[in-house]
Protein backbone atom coordinates (compact mmCIF):
# COMPACT_ATOMS: atom_id res chain seq x y z
CA MET A 1 -1.49 37.44 -0.45
CA PHE A 2 0.89 35.49 1.75
CA ASN A 3 0.65 32.30 -0.27
CA ASN A 4 1.30 33.77 -3.69
CA ARG A 5 3.93 31.14 -4.38
CA ILE A 6 4.96 28.77 -7.13
CA LYS A 7 5.85 25.18 -6.29
CA VAL A 8 9.42 24.11 -6.94
CA LYS A 9 8.30 21.34 -9.32
CA ALA A 10 6.35 23.82 -11.47
CA LEU A 11 9.16 26.37 -11.42
CA LEU A 12 11.79 23.82 -12.49
CA ALA A 13 9.55 22.70 -15.38
CA GLY A 14 9.56 26.22 -16.85
CA GLU A 15 12.20 28.27 -18.59
CA PRO A 16 14.38 31.01 -17.01
CA ALA A 17 13.16 34.30 -18.43
CA GLY A 18 14.00 36.86 -15.76
CA GLN A 19 10.52 36.50 -14.23
CA GLN A 20 9.77 37.25 -10.57
CA ALA A 21 8.82 34.27 -8.40
CA THR A 22 8.07 33.54 -4.75
CA VAL A 23 8.93 30.10 -3.40
CA MET A 24 8.59 28.59 0.06
CA GLY A 25 10.21 25.47 1.40
CA TRP A 26 12.73 23.90 3.72
CA VAL A 27 16.50 24.23 3.52
CA ARG A 28 18.27 21.03 2.53
CA THR A 29 21.75 22.56 2.49
CA PHE A 30 23.36 26.01 2.66
CA ARG A 31 26.93 26.39 1.44
CA ASN A 32 29.41 29.21 1.13
CA ASN A 33 26.86 31.64 2.61
CA GLN A 34 25.63 31.87 -0.94
CA PHE A 35 23.81 28.76 -2.23
CA VAL A 36 20.62 27.41 -0.64
CA ALA A 37 19.15 24.08 -1.79
CA LEU A 38 15.44 24.61 -1.15
CA ASN A 39 12.83 21.83 -1.26
CA ASP A 40 9.06 22.12 -0.79
CA GLY A 41 8.06 18.45 -1.12
CA SER A 42 6.56 18.76 -4.60
CA THR A 43 9.60 16.96 -6.08
CA ASN A 44 12.90 15.46 -4.97
CA ASN A 45 14.68 18.09 -7.04
CA ASN A 46 15.87 21.09 -5.06
CA LEU A 47 15.75 24.66 -6.28
CA GLN A 48 19.05 26.46 -6.00
CA VAL A 49 18.55 29.88 -4.42
CA VAL A 50 21.49 32.21 -4.92
CA LEU A 51 22.25 34.89 -2.31
CA GLU A 52 24.35 37.80 -3.52
CA LEU A 53 27.34 38.19 -1.22
CA GLY A 54 26.97 41.17 1.11
CA LYS A 55 23.28 41.68 0.31
CA PHE A 56 21.89 39.99 3.46
CA ASP A 57 23.03 40.62 7.01
CA ASP A 58 24.87 37.98 9.05
CA THR A 59 22.05 37.59 11.58
CA LEU A 60 19.73 36.34 8.82
CA LEU A 61 22.39 34.13 7.22
CA LYS A 62 23.05 32.36 10.52
CA ARG A 63 19.37 31.38 10.69
CA ILE A 64 19.50 29.66 7.28
CA THR A 65 20.14 26.15 8.64
CA THR A 66 19.16 22.62 7.60
CA SER A 67 15.35 22.29 7.69
CA ALA A 68 14.68 25.96 8.40
CA ALA A 69 11.59 27.13 6.50
CA LEU A 70 12.06 30.05 4.10
CA LYS A 71 10.00 32.35 1.93
CA VAL A 72 12.12 33.64 -0.92
CA THR A 73 11.18 36.15 -3.61
CA GLY A 74 13.56 36.74 -6.47
CA THR A 75 14.34 36.55 -10.17
CA VAL A 76 14.42 33.29 -12.14
CA VAL A 77 17.67 33.18 -14.12
CA ALA A 78 19.62 30.61 -16.10
CA SER A 79 21.92 28.63 -13.82
CA GLN A 80 25.66 29.21 -14.01
CA GLY A 81 26.43 25.84 -12.39
CA LYS A 82 25.92 22.25 -13.46
CA GLY A 83 22.92 20.10 -12.51
CA GLN A 84 20.11 22.59 -13.02
CA LYS A 85 18.96 24.78 -15.87
CA LEU A 86 17.66 27.60 -13.66
CA GLU A 87 18.05 29.12 -10.22
CA LEU A 88 16.42 31.82 -8.18
CA LYS A 89 18.40 34.97 -7.51
CA ALA A 90 17.09 36.10 -4.12
CA ASP A 91 15.79 39.64 -3.58
CA THR A 92 14.09 39.07 -0.22
CA ILE A 93 14.29 36.22 2.30
CA GLU A 94 11.94 35.65 5.19
CA ILE A 95 12.56 32.96 7.81
CA LEU A 96 9.20 31.31 8.39
CA GLY A 97 10.50 28.77 10.89
CA ASP A 98 13.89 28.33 12.53
CA SER A 99 15.58 24.97 12.91
CA ASP A 100 18.38 24.21 15.36
CA ALA A 101 20.80 22.44 13.03
CA GLU A 102 22.65 20.74 15.87
CA LYS A 103 19.47 19.20 17.27
CA TYR A 104 17.74 18.38 13.98
CA PRO A 105 17.87 14.55 13.73
CA LEU A 106 18.23 14.26 9.94
CA GLN A 107 21.62 15.59 9.00
CA PRO A 108 22.43 15.98 5.29
CA LYS A 109 23.80 12.44 4.92
CA LYS A 110 22.48 8.95 4.17
CA HIS A 111 20.41 7.41 6.99
CA SER A 112 19.35 3.77 7.36
CA LEU A 113 15.69 2.91 6.93
CA GLU A 114 15.69 1.46 10.46
CA PHE A 115 16.86 4.82 11.85
CA LEU A 116 14.25 6.68 9.81
CA ARG A 117 11.46 4.43 11.16
CA GLU A 118 12.34 5.80 14.60
CA LYS A 119 11.96 9.32 13.16
CA ALA A 120 8.79 8.60 11.18
CA HIS A 121 7.45 12.08 11.95
CA LEU A 122 10.34 13.61 9.98
CA ARG A 123 11.20 10.94 7.41
CA PHE A 124 8.88 12.47 4.77
CA ARG A 125 11.57 15.15 4.38
CA THR A 126 14.05 12.66 2.89
CA ASN A 127 14.23 11.92 -0.83
CA THR A 128 13.39 8.24 -0.38
CA PHE A 129 10.21 8.84 1.57
CA GLY A 130 9.26 11.86 -0.51
CA SER A 131 9.24 9.54 -3.54
CA VAL A 132 7.44 6.69 -1.75
CA PHE A 133 4.58 8.86 -0.49
CA ARG A 134 4.08 10.80 -3.70
CA ILE A 135 3.78 7.42 -5.46
CA ARG A 136 1.40 6.20 -2.75
CA HIS A 137 -0.77 9.26 -3.43
CA SER A 138 -0.79 8.59 -7.19
CA LEU A 139 -1.77 4.95 -6.69
CA ALA A 140 -4.62 5.94 -4.36
CA PHE A 141 -5.87 8.49 -6.88
CA ALA A 142 -5.58 5.96 -9.73
CA ILE A 143 -7.66 3.43 -7.78
CA HIS A 144 -10.57 5.86 -7.49
CA LYS A 145 -10.12 6.93 -11.11
CA PHE A 146 -10.19 3.33 -12.38
CA PHE A 147 -13.37 2.34 -10.55
CA ASN A 148 -15.10 5.63 -11.28
CA GLU A 149 -14.46 5.17 -15.00
CA LYS A 150 -15.95 1.66 -14.72
CA GLY A 151 -19.13 2.97 -13.09
CA PHE A 152 -18.51 1.43 -9.66
CA VAL A 153 -20.08 2.98 -6.54
CA TYR A 154 -17.61 3.86 -3.75
CA LEU A 155 -19.06 2.38 -0.57
CA HIS A 156 -17.83 3.26 2.92
CA THR A 157 -18.11 0.07 4.94
CA PRO A 158 -17.96 0.20 8.76
CA ILE A 159 -14.71 0.30 10.71
CA ILE A 160 -16.45 -0.96 13.85
CA THR A 161 -18.18 -4.28 13.22
CA ALA A 162 -19.66 -7.25 15.05
CA SER A 163 -18.68 -9.76 12.34
CA ASP A 164 -15.40 -11.49 11.58
CA ALA A 165 -15.39 -11.66 7.79
CA GLU A 166 -12.41 -13.99 7.58
CA GLY A 167 -13.27 -16.26 10.49
CA ALA A 168 -9.73 -15.60 11.68
CA GLY A 169 -10.58 -14.40 15.17
CA GLU A 170 -7.51 -12.13 15.43
CA MET A 171 -9.32 -8.84 15.97
CA PHE A 172 -9.02 -5.71 18.07
CA ARG A 173 -11.87 -5.40 20.57
CA VAL A 174 -13.78 -2.11 20.69
CA SER A 175 -15.33 -1.39 24.06
CA THR A 176 -16.25 1.39 26.50
CA LEU A 177 -16.49 -1.03 29.43
CA PRO A 178 -13.97 -0.47 32.25
CA PHE A 179 -10.90 -2.67 31.73
CA ASP A 180 -10.28 -3.25 35.41
CA ASN A 181 -13.83 -4.25 36.38
CA PRO A 182 -16.15 -5.04 33.43
CA PRO A 183 -19.68 -6.27 34.15
CA ARG A 184 -19.91 -10.06 34.15
CA ARG A 185 -22.62 -12.67 33.74
CA GLU A 186 -23.19 -15.41 36.30
CA ASP A 187 -20.82 -17.73 34.43
CA GLY A 188 -18.01 -15.14 34.72
CA THR A 189 -17.96 -14.06 31.06
CA ILE A 190 -18.09 -10.34 30.23
CA ASP A 191 -21.60 -8.98 29.80
CA PHE A 192 -21.38 -6.97 26.58
CA SER A 193 -25.07 -6.10 26.72
CA GLU A 194 -23.97 -3.20 28.94
CA ASP A 195 -21.36 -2.04 26.41
CA PHE A 196 -21.82 0.95 24.06
CA PHE A 197 -23.22 -1.13 21.19
CA GLY A 198 -24.94 -3.68 23.43
CA ARG A 199 -22.78 -6.50 22.06
CA ALA A 200 -19.14 -7.44 21.47
CA THR A 201 -17.62 -5.36 18.64
CA ASN A 202 -14.25 -5.18 16.90
CA LEU A 203 -12.25 -3.18 14.40
CA THR A 204 -12.96 -4.53 10.94
CA VAL A 205 -10.70 -7.07 9.24
CA SER A 206 -12.47 -6.59 5.91
CA GLY A 207 -15.32 -4.64 4.35
CA GLN A 208 -16.18 -7.53 2.05
CA LEU A 209 -19.38 -8.86 3.63
CA GLU A 210 -20.92 -5.38 3.76
CA GLY A 211 -19.57 -4.80 0.26
CA GLU A 212 -21.57 -7.76 -1.01
CA LEU A 213 -24.73 -6.08 0.27
CA GLY A 214 -23.92 -3.04 -1.88
CA ALA A 215 -23.08 -5.15 -4.93
CA THR A 216 -26.45 -6.90 -4.78
CA ALA A 217 -28.15 -3.52 -5.12
CA PHE A 218 -25.82 -1.31 -7.18
CA GLY A 219 -24.28 -4.08 -9.28
CA GLU A 220 -20.68 -3.00 -8.72
CA ILE A 221 -19.11 -1.33 -5.70
CA TYR A 222 -15.65 -0.91 -4.22
CA THR A 223 -14.38 -0.12 -0.76
CA PHE A 224 -11.07 1.53 0.07
CA GLY A 225 -10.46 1.93 3.76
CA PRO A 226 -8.46 0.90 6.82
CA THR A 227 -8.57 -2.68 8.13
CA PHE A 228 -7.07 -4.14 11.29
CA ARG A 229 -5.54 -7.51 12.22
CA ALA A 230 -4.41 -8.29 15.77
CA GLU A 231 -1.96 -10.82 14.38
CA ASN A 232 1.28 -10.91 16.34
CA SER A 233 3.45 -11.00 13.21
CA ASN A 234 6.55 -8.90 13.56
CA THR A 235 7.70 -9.25 9.97
CA ALA A 236 8.56 -7.03 6.99
CA ARG A 237 5.25 -8.11 5.36
CA HIS A 238 2.68 -7.50 8.11
CA LEU A 239 0.96 -4.49 9.67
CA ALA A 240 -1.72 -4.33 12.35
CA GLU A 241 -3.39 -1.42 10.53
CA PHE A 242 -3.42 -1.29 6.75
CA TRP A 243 -5.63 -0.19 3.87
CA MET A 244 -7.62 -2.48 1.62
CA ILE A 245 -9.29 -2.10 -1.76
CA GLU A 246 -12.20 -4.51 -2.11
CA PRO A 247 -14.43 -4.44 -5.20
CA GLU A 248 -17.56 -6.60 -5.31
CA MET A 249 -19.41 -7.29 -8.55
CA ALA A 250 -22.85 -8.83 -9.13
CA PHE A 251 -23.41 -10.95 -12.27
CA CYS A 252 -19.74 -11.87 -12.24
CA ASP A 253 -17.90 -15.22 -12.10
CA LEU A 254 -14.32 -16.19 -11.25
CA GLU A 255 -13.02 -15.49 -14.78
CA ASP A 256 -14.64 -12.04 -14.85
CA ASN A 257 -13.09 -11.39 -11.43
CA ALA A 258 -9.60 -12.35 -12.63
CA ASN A 259 -9.96 -10.22 -15.76
CA LEU A 260 -10.93 -7.15 -13.74
CA ALA A 261 -8.13 -7.64 -11.19
CA GLU A 262 -5.51 -7.95 -13.95
CA GLU A 263 -6.77 -4.83 -15.74
CA PHE A 264 -6.92 -2.95 -12.41
CA ILE A 265 -3.34 -3.76 -11.37
CA GLN A 266 -1.95 -2.83 -14.78
CA TYR A 267 -3.94 0.42 -14.84
CA ILE A 268 -2.78 1.75 -11.48
CA ILE A 269 0.86 0.78 -12.07
CA ARG A 270 0.79 2.42 -15.49
CA TYR A 271 -0.68 5.57 -13.92
CA ALA A 272 2.19 5.79 -11.42
CA MET A 273 4.74 5.21 -14.17
CA GLU A 274 3.26 8.06 -16.21
CA HIS A 275 2.88 10.55 -13.33
CA ASN A 276 5.84 9.70 -11.07
CA ALA A 277 8.65 9.04 -13.51
CA ASP A 278 11.22 11.08 -11.52
CA ASP A 279 10.34 9.40 -8.23
CA LEU A 280 10.49 5.93 -9.76
CA GLU A 281 13.84 6.69 -11.36
CA PHE A 282 15.18 7.85 -7.99
CA LEU A 283 13.97 4.64 -6.32
CA ARG A 284 15.37 2.56 -9.19
CA GLN A 285 18.82 4.04 -8.63
CA ARG A 286 18.48 3.55 -4.87
CA LEU A 287 17.66 -0.13 -5.36
CA LEU A 288 20.55 -0.63 -7.77
CA GLU A 289 22.91 0.70 -5.08
CA GLU A 290 21.31 -1.63 -2.54
CA GLU A 291 21.68 -4.61 -4.90
CA LYS A 292 25.43 -4.03 -5.23
CA ALA A 293 25.84 -5.12 -1.61
CA LYS A 294 24.17 -8.50 -2.30
CA PRO A 295 25.83 -11.63 -3.69
CA GLN A 296 25.35 -11.99 -7.45
CA THR A 297 22.97 -14.95 -6.98
CA GLU A 298 20.59 -12.87 -4.84
CA ARG A 299 20.41 -9.88 -7.17
CA SER A 300 17.22 -9.28 -9.09
CA GLU A 301 17.28 -9.94 -12.82
CA LEU A 302 15.13 -6.85 -13.39
CA ASP A 303 15.53 -3.32 -12.08
CA LEU A 304 12.51 -1.52 -10.63
CA ILE A 305 11.28 0.05 -13.88
CA GLN A 306 11.79 -3.21 -15.80
CA LYS A 307 9.82 -5.09 -13.13
CA LEU A 308 6.89 -2.69 -13.48
CA GLU A 309 7.02 -2.87 -17.28
CA PHE A 310 7.10 -6.66 -16.95
CA VAL A 311 3.73 -6.50 -15.15
CA VAL A 312 1.97 -3.91 -17.31
CA ASN A 313 3.15 -5.39 -20.63
CA ASN A 314 2.52 -9.10 -19.99
CA GLN A 315 -0.73 -10.99 -19.89
CA PHE A 316 -0.89 -12.77 -16.55
CA GLU A 317 -0.45 -16.55 -16.68
CA ARG A 318 -3.47 -18.51 -15.41
CA ILE A 319 -3.18 -21.91 -13.75
CA THR A 320 -5.11 -23.95 -11.20
CA TYR A 321 -3.80 -24.60 -7.70
CA THR A 322 -3.42 -28.30 -8.63
CA GLU A 323 -1.25 -27.35 -11.63
CA ALA A 324 0.81 -25.01 -9.43
CA ILE A 325 1.52 -27.79 -6.92
CA ASP A 326 2.50 -30.16 -9.75
CA ILE A 327 4.94 -27.56 -11.14
CA LEU A 328 6.51 -27.12 -7.70
CA LEU A 329 6.80 -30.89 -7.14
CA GLN A 330 8.46 -31.35 -10.55
CA SER A 331 10.90 -28.46 -10.04
CA ASN A 332 14.62 -28.89 -9.46
CA HIS A 333 14.17 -26.46 -6.59
CA TYR A 334 11.96 -28.99 -4.81
CA LYS A 335 14.05 -32.00 -5.77
CA LYS A 336 17.20 -30.32 -4.42
CA LYS A 337 15.35 -29.41 -1.20
CA LYS A 338 15.79 -25.67 -1.72
CA PHE A 339 12.32 -24.82 -0.41
CA GLN A 340 12.16 -24.08 3.30
CA TYR A 341 8.54 -25.29 3.44
CA ASP A 342 7.31 -28.63 2.13
CA VAL A 343 5.08 -28.94 -0.93
CA SER A 344 2.00 -31.16 -1.13
CA TRP A 345 -1.59 -30.81 -2.35
CA GLY A 346 -3.61 -29.06 0.33
CA ILE A 347 -0.91 -26.69 1.66
CA ASP A 348 -1.39 -22.95 1.86
CA MET A 349 1.45 -21.96 -0.48
CA GLN A 350 4.19 -19.92 1.14
CA SER A 351 5.75 -16.80 -0.37
CA GLU A 352 8.79 -18.81 -1.57
CA HIS A 353 6.50 -21.14 -3.57
CA GLU A 354 4.57 -18.25 -5.07
CA ARG A 355 7.73 -16.39 -6.02
CA TYR A 356 9.19 -19.51 -7.65
CA LEU A 357 6.14 -19.82 -9.91
CA VAL A 358 6.35 -16.14 -10.92
CA GLU A 359 10.06 -15.45 -11.06
CA LYS A 360 11.60 -18.79 -12.05
CA HIS A 361 8.98 -20.83 -13.86
CA PHE A 362 6.64 -18.49 -15.75
CA LYS A 363 8.67 -15.27 -15.51
CA LYS A 364 5.45 -13.26 -15.46
CA PRO A 365 2.60 -12.54 -12.99
CA VAL A 366 0.45 -15.59 -12.29
CA ILE A 367 -3.22 -16.02 -11.37
CA VAL A 368 -3.78 -19.24 -9.42
CA THR A 369 -7.37 -20.51 -9.16
CA ASN A 370 -9.42 -23.27 -7.52
CA TYR A 371 -7.78 -23.67 -4.13
CA PRO A 372 -8.58 -26.44 -1.60
CA LYS A 373 -11.71 -25.43 0.30
CA ASP A 374 -10.13 -26.38 3.65
CA ILE A 375 -7.66 -23.48 3.50
CA LYS A 376 -10.15 -20.87 2.30
CA ALA A 377 -12.96 -18.78 3.84
CA PHE A 378 -16.59 -19.89 4.24
CA TYR A 379 -18.04 -17.51 1.64
CA MET A 380 -16.14 -18.89 -1.38
CA ARG A 381 -18.17 -20.78 -3.98
CA GLN A 382 -17.74 -24.51 -3.76
CA ASN A 383 -16.73 -26.29 -6.96
CA GLU A 384 -18.45 -29.45 -8.13
CA ASP A 385 -15.42 -31.62 -7.24
CA GLY A 386 -16.25 -31.16 -3.56
CA LYS A 387 -12.60 -30.42 -2.76
CA THR A 388 -11.94 -26.96 -4.14
CA VAL A 389 -13.49 -23.50 -4.19
CA ALA A 390 -13.63 -20.83 -6.90
CA ALA A 391 -10.85 -18.76 -5.34
CA MET A 392 -8.01 -16.89 -6.99
CA ASP A 393 -4.73 -15.32 -5.93
CA ILE A 394 -2.59 -13.07 -8.10
CA LEU A 395 1.14 -13.57 -7.60
CA ALA A 396 3.66 -10.87 -8.49
CA PRO A 397 7.47 -10.88 -8.79
CA GLY A 398 9.41 -10.01 -5.66
CA ILE A 399 6.46 -10.18 -3.30
CA GLY A 400 4.28 -13.22 -3.98
CA GLU A 401 0.53 -12.86 -3.36
CA ILE A 402 -0.73 -9.38 -4.10
CA VAL A 403 -4.46 -10.03 -4.61
CA GLY A 404 -6.83 -12.58 -3.10
CA GLY A 405 -10.38 -13.06 -4.31
CA SER A 406 -13.14 -15.49 -5.20
CA GLN A 407 -16.51 -16.05 -6.69
CA ARG A 408 -18.84 -15.90 -3.69
CA GLU A 409 -21.17 -18.74 -2.75
CA GLU A 410 -24.58 -17.51 -3.92
CA ARG A 411 -26.51 -20.72 -3.09
CA LEU A 412 -28.13 -20.35 0.32
CA GLU A 413 -28.10 -24.04 1.24
CA ARG A 414 -24.44 -24.51 0.30
CA LEU A 415 -23.45 -21.35 2.17
CA GLU A 416 -25.31 -22.36 5.32
CA GLN A 417 -23.81 -25.85 5.15
CA ARG A 418 -20.30 -24.41 4.90
CA MET A 419 -20.91 -22.00 7.80
CA THR A 420 -22.08 -24.92 9.95
CA GLU A 421 -18.96 -26.91 9.03
CA MET A 422 -16.76 -23.96 10.05
CA ASN A 423 -18.71 -23.16 13.24
CA ILE A 424 -19.81 -19.73 12.04
CA PRO A 425 -23.09 -18.80 13.78
CA HIS A 426 -25.92 -18.26 11.29
CA GLU A 427 -27.82 -15.87 13.55
CA GLU A 428 -24.94 -13.36 13.64
CA LEU A 429 -24.89 -13.13 9.84
CA TRP A 430 -28.65 -13.18 9.20
CA TRP A 431 -28.34 -9.96 7.21
CA TYR A 432 -25.63 -11.49 4.97
CA LEU A 433 -27.73 -14.59 4.34
CA ASP A 434 -30.67 -12.38 3.33
CA THR A 435 -28.81 -11.48 0.11
CA ARG A 436 -29.10 -15.18 -0.82
CA ARG A 437 -32.78 -15.30 0.17
CA PHE A 438 -33.98 -12.31 -1.84
CA GLY A 439 -32.76 -12.30 -5.44
CA THR A 440 -29.42 -14.08 -5.18
CA VAL A 441 -27.06 -13.78 -8.16
CA PRO A 442 -23.62 -15.09 -9.09
CA HIS A 443 -21.15 -12.52 -7.78
CA ALA A 444 -17.45 -12.17 -7.10
CA GLY A 445 -14.83 -9.84 -5.67
CA PHE A 446 -11.25 -9.50 -4.54
CA GLY A 447 -9.10 -7.72 -2.00
CA LEU A 448 -5.86 -5.88 -2.63
CA GLY A 449 -3.74 -4.80 0.34
CA PHE A 450 -2.86 -1.24 -0.59
CA GLU A 451 0.50 -1.27 1.19
CA ARG A 452 1.46 -4.43 -0.73
CA ILE A 453 0.93 -2.72 -4.08
CA VAL A 454 2.77 0.40 -2.86
CA GLN A 455 5.63 -1.85 -1.77
CA PHE A 456 5.66 -3.54 -5.14
CA VAL A 457 5.67 -0.29 -7.14
CA THR A 458 8.30 1.46 -4.99
CA GLY A 459 10.54 -1.57 -4.48
CA MET A 460 10.66 -1.00 -0.71
CA SER A 461 11.50 -4.25 1.07
CA ASN A 462 9.73 -3.47 4.36
CA ILE A 463 6.00 -2.75 4.47
CA ARG A 464 6.57 -0.32 7.37
CA ASP A 465 8.25 2.01 4.91
CA VAL A 466 5.20 2.51 2.68
CA ILE A 467 2.67 3.62 5.31
CA ALA A 468 3.08 6.95 7.05
CA PHE A 469 2.81 5.74 10.64
CA PRO A 470 3.16 1.95 10.88
CA ARG A 471 1.21 0.07 13.55
CA THR A 472 2.98 -3.15 14.50
CA PRO A 473 3.29 -5.29 17.67
CA LYS A 474 4.58 -3.14 20.56
CA SER A 475 4.70 -0.09 18.30
CA ALA A 476 2.11 2.70 18.15
CA GLU A 477 4.39 5.75 18.18
CA PHE A 478 3.44 8.98 16.40
């Protein structure tokens, strides 16, 4: 068999006992015509392959260049050098793929993250991105594991939709009509009745509304899929295409929702800490180096591992939006005008406000509930005060909001009234309103931006560095 190989991670976990092994991977470095650092992506740790001097001809040796792909069979022996307990003494070497070392863009040196974004098709081969994407995989697996253990049904909600779940209006249009000459009605507007779906359609901004349909049949569902926002935000926190996890639960109120979200976040972070210890340690060291370049006042009090432990080992603080605003108004930070954005009841809190509550005031993750209804979506349950809705956000250190959710408005009349107030056409969402007509129940759910949690766990400061091929304004390369 060609692929009778052992992965580098598995080989390094064993003991050197003179056993035969076949490994395959890419050359990181080759020195003294004798020592190859081979990596196959299973771990950041390289396997040292030792070539006996004079055993291999010069033509072969010249082809062992950075990023060339090799198949090596040899004997696993105890290492003579420092840094590794074992190495592979090569018996046979086969070049699976050549690499022109002079043209290969990633030389064996440190590259900036900005440079690597331009080489996103190759950046997985670096230690930083190897760690980030192995952790991303673990978090994705843990998400499915968590909900499966809870008895949730995984529901695939549509990517092409005719509804705007958020009422935001910043959506990507999906159409097969000709761009240069679409059919038009008498009033000049585009006639979508001639389009593929017979109506205007878009890429989804959320699977929540469809998720609620599933929850009112199965009891508990979750979605985990791509979502799209045509928001022209060229920042380190925004993507035009990202992944969302959105559970919806029948027979569930705001407190139940908050409890589940807290348990969920702690579970998936703990899973990554248990299964990606080496990768997290590498990223911890990387961040410590990065922090050295910052002024002392801007350095984080906690390193990456401490920050994650801080989240998994602390109960989240719970406060209302009104209490949060009062804390901000009473803070020295506000009194000394250190906030860039003003604070008053009714504002949509900015990241700086959220981070102050988490990092300075409570020094733990915070769940904020009961937001003003005027800054929240139409489907959130209205509280009896007439001013607020049963919404919640979970705020985390270093990043601010990481989860947004609410108890949904289950009362048909109140929901229809709110839709009218917000100019959301009832006829377009007739199917959504049917869940309130036929056996309505209290229900709730939340959304977690997957890239946000990957960012949080890996400590990466730019969201473009935690998704394989970032889609941002004026950028759809690769």
